């Protein structure tokens, strides 16, 4: 079984560089011969389009996985970059919270869906990056439950620090109740202008 690193890139604030961080890190690692999968967990689908895939075509997305319509491995798509694959997203994902309201394990939906794949012979990924939406919603909680570690892009400005304390409280609650192995790899300063 491959020891795949699952890394969520998270910040509830929008426009701080989460998607840019995911695309650049994933591309850099794939150019260093690492096999990388990006899961676009943002209904805006910017990681999908950023990697050159249309987010309004008829291929299966992470939404189809989470509602049980497609197996995880059937949604993995090639990108133009060698060693870099994608599970795409689109606006359908925005309805997931309402559609799964009656499920008692909904925080574990993503983990349950990809755990079998991760431990199977089909998994040859060194890294899986999850691009999170700009909110502390169910989708973000799901990414925190499945991840082994986090990268927090933080815009180098005063008000960004206020949101960081709320994010840290959420991460601490997830560690206590849902994922004790979760670690913060680091805070990545973005958009720095000295």
C-alpha atoms as a PDB file:
ATOM      1  CA  UNK A   1       0.000   0.000   0.000  1.00  0.00           C
ATOM      2  CA  UNK A   2       1.321   3.424  -1.004  1.00  0.00           C
ATOM      3  CA  UNK A   3       1.801   6.033   1.733  1.00  0.00           C
ATOM      4  CA  UNK A   4      -0.165   8.794   0.037  1.00  0.00           C
ATOM      5  CA  UNK A   5       0.016  12.253   1.622  1.00  0.00           C
ATOM      6  CA  UNK A   6      -3.463  13.827   1.691  1.00  0.00           C
ATOM      7  CA  UNK A   7      -3.116  17.591   2.091  1.00  0.00           C
ATOM      8  CA  UNK A   8      -6.026  20.022   2.329  1.00  0.00           C
ATOM      9  CA  UNK A   9      -5.386  23.629   1.367  1.00  0.00           C
ATOM     10  CA  UNK A  10      -7.786  25.595   3.532  1.00  0.00           C
ATOM     11  CA  UNK A  11      -8.798  29.089   4.559  1.00  0.00           C
ATOM     12  CA  UNK A  12     -12.395  30.236   4.963  1.00  0.00           C
ATOM     13  CA  UNK A  13     -11.470  33.600   3.476  1.00  0.00           C
ATOM     14  CA  UNK A  14     -11.809  33.889  -0.301  1.00  0.00           C
ATOM     15  CA  UNK A  15      -9.132  35.231  -2.604  1.00  0.00           C
ATOM     16  CA  UNK A  16      -6.136  34.289  -0.460  1.00  0.00           C
ATOM     17  CA  UNK A  17      -4.526  31.972  -3.019  1.00  0.00           C
ATOM     18  CA  UNK A  18      -5.802  28.491  -2.107  1.00  0.00           C
ATOM     19  CA  UNK A  19      -6.401  27.364  -5.675  1.00  0.00           C
ATOM     20  CA  UNK A  20      -3.200  28.978  -6.959  1.00  0.00           C
ATOM     21  CA  UNK A  21      -1.268  27.219  -4.179  1.00  0.00           C
ATOM     22  CA  UNK A  22      -2.818  23.841  -5.041  1.00  0.00           C
ATOM     23  CA  UNK A  23      -2.164  24.174  -8.784  1.00  0.00           C
ATOM     24  CA  UNK A  24       1.419  25.374  -8.327  1.00  0.00           C
ATOM     25  CA  UNK A  25       2.390  22.813  -5.667  1.00  0.00           C
ATOM     26  CA  UNK A  26       0.766  19.952  -7.580  1.00  0.00           C
ATOM     27  CA  UNK A  27       2.462  20.974 -10.823  1.00  0.00           C
ATOM     28  CA  UNK A  28       5.878  21.437  -9.183  1.00  0.00           C
ATOM     29  CA  UNK A  29       5.712  18.018  -7.510  1.00  0.00           C
ATOM     30  CA  UNK A  30       4.572  16.327 -10.725  1.00  0.00           C
ATOM     31  CA  UNK A  31       7.522  17.901 -12.579  1.00  0.00           C
ATOM     32  CA  UNK A  32       9.729  16.238  -9.907  1.00  0.00           C
ATOM     33  CA  UNK A  33       8.302  12.831 -10.949  1.00  0.00           C
ATOM     34  CA  UNK A  34       5.810  12.590  -8.083  1.00  0.00           C
ATOM     35  CA  UNK A  35       2.335  11.307  -8.917  1.00  0.00           C
ATOM     36  CA  UNK A  36      -0.226  13.889  -7.823  1.00  0.00           C
ATOM     37  CA  UNK A  37      -4.017  14.034  -7.678  1.00  0.00           C
ATOM     38  CA  UNK A  38      -5.934  17.275  -7.175  1.00  0.00           C
ATOM     39  CA  UNK A  39      -9.469  17.041  -5.791  1.00  0.00           C
ATOM     40  CA  UNK A  40     -11.404  20.209  -6.538  1.00  0.00           C
ATOM     41  CA  UNK A  41     -13.809  20.492  -3.596  1.00  0.00           C
ATOM     42  CA  UNK A  42     -14.904  24.041  -4.417  1.00  0.00           C
ATOM     43  CA  UNK A  43     -18.239  24.423  -6.286  1.00  0.00           C
ATOM     44  CA  UNK A  44     -16.665  27.312  -8.230  1.00  0.00           C
ATOM     45  CA  UNK A  45     -14.437  24.738  -9.924  1.00  0.00           C
ATOM     46  CA  UNK A  46     -11.440  27.051 -10.328  1.00  0.00           C
ATOM     47  CA  UNK A  47      -8.848  24.299  -9.800  1.00  0.00           C
ATOM     48  CA  UNK A  48     -10.639  22.353 -12.527  1.00  0.00           C
ATOM     49  CA  UNK A  49     -10.497  25.180 -15.057  1.00  0.00           C
ATOM     50  CA  UNK A  50      -7.031  26.182 -13.820  1.00  0.00           C
ATOM     51  CA  UNK A  51      -5.771  22.742 -14.814  1.00  0.00           C
ATOM     52  CA  UNK A  52      -7.311  23.097 -18.269  1.00  0.00           C
ATOM     53  CA  UNK A  53     -10.481  21.021 -17.798  1.00  0.00           C
ATOM     54  CA  UNK A  54     -13.955  22.370 -18.536  1.00  0.00           C
ATOM     55  CA  UNK A  55     -16.166  22.379 -15.435  1.00  0.00           C
ATOM     56  CA  UNK A  56     -19.401  22.271 -17.422  1.00  0.00           C
ATOM     57  CA  UNK A  57     -18.881  19.111 -19.454  1.00  0.00           C
ATOM     58  CA  UNK A  58     -20.624  15.808 -18.836  1.00  0.00           C
ATOM     59  CA  UNK A  59     -17.818  13.973 -17.029  1.00  0.00           C
ATOM     60  CA  UNK A  60     -18.318  12.688 -13.501  1.00  0.00           C
ATOM     61  CA  UNK A  61     -17.183  15.044 -10.736  1.00  0.00           C
ATOM     62  CA  UNK A  62     -16.514  14.865  -7.001  1.00  0.00           C
ATOM     63  CA  UNK A  63     -20.226  15.620  -6.549  1.00  0.00           C
ATOM     64  CA  UNK A  64     -21.099  12.344  -8.311  1.00  0.00           C
ATOM     65  CA  UNK A  65     -18.738  10.517  -5.943  1.00  0.00           C
ATOM     66  CA  UNK A  66     -20.200  12.110  -2.811  1.00  0.00           C
ATOM     67  CA  UNK A  67     -23.832  11.353  -3.741  1.00  0.00           C
ATOM     68  CA  UNK A  68     -22.911   7.755  -4.605  1.00  0.00           C
ATOM     69  CA  UNK A  69     -23.457   8.032  -8.354  1.00  0.00           C
ATOM     70  CA  UNK A  70     -19.832   7.260  -9.392  1.00  0.00           C
ATOM     71  CA  UNK A  71     -16.942   5.331  -7.861  1.00  0.00           C
ATOM     72  CA  UNK A  72     -14.026   7.584  -6.910  1.00  0.00           C
ATOM     73  CA  UNK A  73     -11.564   6.041  -9.378  1.00  0.00           C
ATOM     74  CA  UNK A  74     -13.986   6.606 -12.300  1.00  0.00           C
ATOM     75  CA  UNK A  75     -13.861  10.386 -11.797  1.00  0.00           C
ATOM     76  CA  UNK A  76     -10.066  10.735 -12.039  1.00  0.00           C
ATOM     77  CA  UNK A  77      -9.131  12.631 -15.208  1.00  0.00           C
ATOM     78  CA  UNK A  78      -5.837  13.272 -16.956  1.00  0.00           C
ATOM     79  CA  UNK A  79      -4.546  16.816 -17.217  1.00  0.00           C
ATOM     80  CA  UNK A  80      -2.023  18.175 -19.744  1.00  0.00           C
ATOM     81  CA  UNK A  81       0.703  17.807 -17.112  1.00  0.00           C
ATOM     82  CA  UNK A  82       2.433  14.425 -16.799  1.00  0.00           C
ATOM     83  CA  UNK A  83       1.925  12.718 -13.414  1.00  0.00           C
ATOM     84  CA  UNK A  84      -0.898  15.150 -12.490  1.00  0.00           C
ATOM     85  CA  UNK A  85      -4.529  14.036 -12.436  1.00  0.00           C
ATOM     86  CA  UNK A  86      -7.737  15.721 -11.322  1.00  0.00           C
ATOM     87  CA  UNK A  87     -11.113  14.962  -9.781  1.00  0.00           C
ATOM     88  CA  UNK A  88     -13.109  17.904 -11.077  1.00  0.00           C
ATOM     89  CA  UNK A  89     -15.876  20.002  -9.566  1.00  0.00           C
ATOM     90  CA  UNK A  90     -18.701  22.193 -10.724  1.00  0.00           C
ATOM     91  CA  UNK A  91     -21.648  24.171  -9.361  1.00  0.00           C
ATOM     92  CA  UNK A  92     -23.635  20.960  -8.632  1.00  0.00           C
ATOM     93  CA  UNK A  93     -21.476  20.580  -5.516  1.00  0.00           C
ATOM     94  CA  UNK A  94     -23.100  23.631  -3.918  1.00  0.00           C
ATOM     95  CA  UNK A  95     -26.287  21.630  -3.239  1.00  0.00           C
ATOM     96  CA  UNK A  96     -24.547  18.813  -1.384  1.00  0.00           C
ATOM     97  CA  UNK A  97     -25.091  20.202   2.118  1.00  0.00           C
ATOM     98  CA  UNK A  98     -28.879  20.239   1.665  1.00  0.00           C
ATOM     99  CA  UNK A  99     -28.965  16.890  -0.167  1.00  0.00           C
ATOM    100  CA  UNK A 100     -27.076  15.092   2.607  1.00  0.00           C
ATOM    101  CA  UNK A 101     -28.866  16.764   5.545  1.00  0.00           C
ATOM    102  CA  UNK A 102     -30.366  13.467   6.744  1.00  0.00           C
ATOM    103  CA  UNK A 103     -27.086  11.492   6.633  1.00  0.00           C
ATOM    104  CA  UNK A 104     -25.578  10.911  10.063  1.00  0.00           C
ATOM    105  CA  UNK A 105     -22.005  10.330   8.783  1.00  0.00           C
ATOM    106  CA  UNK A 106     -21.913  13.174   6.302  1.00  0.00           C
ATOM    107  CA  UNK A 107     -18.680  14.630   7.692  1.00  0.00           C
ATOM    108  CA  UNK A 108     -17.074  11.290   6.703  1.00  0.00           C
ATOM    109  CA  UNK A 109     -18.556  11.120   3.176  1.00  0.00           C
ATOM    110  CA  UNK A 110     -15.342  12.048   1.365  1.00  0.00           C
ATOM    111  CA  UNK A 111     -13.185   9.856   3.612  1.00  0.00           C
ATOM    112  CA  UNK A 112     -15.496   6.866   3.173  1.00  0.00           C
ATOM    113  CA  UNK A 113     -15.552   7.298  -0.604  1.00  0.00           C
ATOM    114  CA  UNK A 114     -11.803   7.534  -1.163  1.00  0.00           C
ATOM    115  CA  UNK A 115     -10.472   5.317   1.645  1.00  0.00           C
ATOM    116  CA  UNK A 116     -10.993   2.113  -0.340  1.00  0.00           C
ATOM    117  CA  UNK A 117      -9.266   3.651  -3.344  1.00  0.00           C
ATOM    118  CA  UNK A 118      -6.333   4.907  -1.243  1.00  0.00           C
ATOM    119  CA  UNK A 119      -5.658   1.448   0.204  1.00  0.00           C
ATOM    120  CA  UNK A 120      -6.137  -0.394  -3.121  1.00  0.00           C
ATOM    121  CA  UNK A 121      -3.620  -1.318  -5.812  1.00  0.00           C
ATOM    122  CA  UNK A 122      -5.284   1.288  -8.085  1.00  0.00           C
ATOM    123  CA  UNK A 123      -3.754   4.083  -5.980  1.00  0.00           C
ATOM    124  CA  UNK A 124      -0.334   5.142  -7.211  1.00  0.00           C
ATOM    125  CA  UNK A 125      -0.451   8.739  -5.944  1.00  0.00           C
ATOM    126  CA  UNK A 126       2.300  10.200  -3.803  1.00  0.00           C
ATOM    127  CA  UNK A 127       0.204  13.280  -3.008  1.00  0.00           C
ATOM    128  CA  UNK A 128      -3.467  14.180  -3.014  1.00  0.00           C
ATOM    129  CA  UNK A 129      -4.231  17.892  -2.701  1.00  0.00           C
ATOM    130  CA  UNK A 130      -7.737  19.024  -1.810  1.00  0.00           C
ATOM    131  CA  UNK A 131      -8.697  22.535  -2.899  1.00  0.00           C
ATOM    132  CA  UNK A 132     -11.253  23.708  -0.327  1.00  0.00           C
ATOM    133  CA  UNK A 133     -14.069  26.226  -0.774  1.00  0.00           C
ATOM    134  CA  UNK A 134     -13.781  29.668   0.878  1.00  0.00           C
ATOM    135  CA  UNK A 135     -15.984  28.812   3.860  1.00  0.00           C
ATOM    136  CA  UNK A 136     -16.135  26.606   6.944  1.00  0.00           C
ATOM    137  CA  UNK A 137     -18.918  24.530   5.381  1.00  0.00           C
ATOM    138  CA  UNK A 138     -19.605  20.794   5.232  1.00  0.00           C
ATOM    139  CA  UNK A 139     -17.236  20.489   2.259  1.00  0.00           C
ATOM    140  CA  UNK A 140     -14.386  22.020   4.269  1.00  0.00           C
ATOM    141  CA  UNK A 141     -15.157  19.782   7.258  1.00  0.00           C
ATOM    142  CA  UNK A 142     -15.071  16.741   4.937  1.00  0.00           C
ATOM    143  CA  UNK A 143     -11.637  17.776   3.677  1.00  0.00           C
ATOM    144  CA  UNK A 144     -10.391  18.158   7.271  1.00  0.00           C
ATOM    145  CA  UNK A 145     -11.681  14.694   8.197  1.00  0.00           C
ATOM    146  CA  UNK A 146      -9.882  12.949   5.307  1.00  0.00           C
ATOM    147  CA  UNK A 147      -6.630  14.969   5.291  1.00  0.00           C
ATOM    148  CA  UNK A 148      -3.433  13.960   7.004  1.00  0.00           C
ATOM    149  CA  UNK A 149      -2.218  17.554   7.010  1.00  0.00           C
ATOM    150  CA  UNK A 150      -3.134  21.124   6.106  1.00  0.00           C
ATOM    151  CA  UNK A 151      -1.590  24.085   4.382  1.00  0.00           C
ATOM    152  CA  UNK A 152      -3.186  27.423   5.263  1.00  0.00           C
ATOM    153  CA  UNK A 153      -2.562  30.165   2.683  1.00  0.00           C
ATOM    154  CA  UNK A 154      -2.709  33.491   4.501  1.00  0.00           C
ATOM    155  CA  UNK A 155      -2.818  36.840   2.783  1.00  0.00           C
ATOM    156  CA  UNK A 156      -0.169  39.102   4.263  1.00  0.00           C
ATOM    157  CA  UNK A 157      -2.574  41.726   5.635  1.00  0.00           C
ATOM    158  CA  UNK A 158      -4.073  42.566   9.030  1.00  0.00           C
ATOM    159  CA  UNK A 159      -7.689  41.370   8.625  1.00  0.00           C
ATOM    160  CA  UNK A 160      -6.576  37.948   7.404  1.00  0.00           C
ATOM    161  CA  UNK A 161      -5.194  37.251  10.891  1.00  0.00           C
ATOM    162  CA  UNK A 162      -8.646  37.734  12.471  1.00  0.00           C
ATOM    163  CA  UNK A 163     -10.089  34.915  10.379  1.00  0.00           C
ATOM    164  CA  UNK A 164      -7.153  32.678  11.243  1.00  0.00           C
ATOM    165  CA  UNK A 165      -8.218  32.365  14.898  1.00  0.00           C
ATOM    166  CA  UNK A 166     -11.677  31.130  13.859  1.00  0.00           C
ATOM    167  CA  UNK A 167     -10.069  28.623  11.503  1.00  0.00           C
ATOM    168  CA  UNK A 168      -7.743  27.380  14.263  1.00  0.00           C
ATOM    169  CA  UNK A 169     -10.734  26.770  16.574  1.00  0.00           C
ATOM    170  CA  UNK A 170     -12.435  24.740  13.836  1.00  0.00           C
ATOM    171  CA  UNK A 171      -9.281  22.704  13.219  1.00  0.00           C
ATOM    172  CA  UNK A 172      -8.936  22.017  16.965  1.00  0.00           C
ATOM    173  CA  UNK A 173     -12.560  20.797  17.154  1.00  0.00           C
ATOM    174  CA  UNK A 174     -12.025  18.509  14.148  1.00  0.00           C
ATOM    175  CA  UNK A 175      -8.865  17.088  15.769  1.00  0.00           C
ATOM    176  CA  UNK A 176     -10.700  16.344  19.017  1.00  0.00           C
ATOM    177  CA  UNK A 177     -13.881  14.871  17.537  1.00  0.00           C
ATOM    178  CA  UNK A 178     -13.212  13.581  14.013  1.00  0.00           C
ATOM    179  CA  UNK A 179      -9.537  13.348  12.984  1.00  0.00           C
ATOM    180  CA  UNK A 180      -6.926  13.196  15.768  1.00  0.00           C
ATOM    181  CA  UNK A 181      -4.073  12.674  13.242  1.00  0.00           C
ATOM    182  CA  UNK A 182      -4.655  16.023  11.514  1.00  0.00           C
ATOM    183  CA  UNK A 183      -1.571  18.272  11.463  1.00  0.00           C
ATOM    184  CA  UNK A 184      -0.938  21.767  10.182  1.00  0.00           C
ATOM    185  CA  UNK A 185       2.034  21.596   7.808  1.00  0.00           C
ATOM    186  CA  UNK A 186       2.294  25.328   7.797  1.00  0.00           C
ATOM    187  CA  UNK A 187       0.864  28.732   7.131  1.00  0.00           C
ATOM    188  CA  UNK A 188       1.843  29.992   3.693  1.00  0.00           C
ATOM    189  CA  UNK A 189       2.047  33.757   3.341  1.00  0.00           C
ATOM    190  CA  UNK A 190       0.606  34.854  -0.002  1.00  0.00           C
ATOM    191  CA  UNK A 191       0.437  38.159  -1.860  1.00  0.00           C
ATOM    192  CA  UNK A 192       3.309  39.578   0.166  1.00  0.00           C
ATOM    193  CA  UNK A 193       4.282  43.142  -0.689  1.00  0.00           C
ATOM    194  CA  UNK A 194       7.042  44.601   1.475  1.00  0.00           C
END
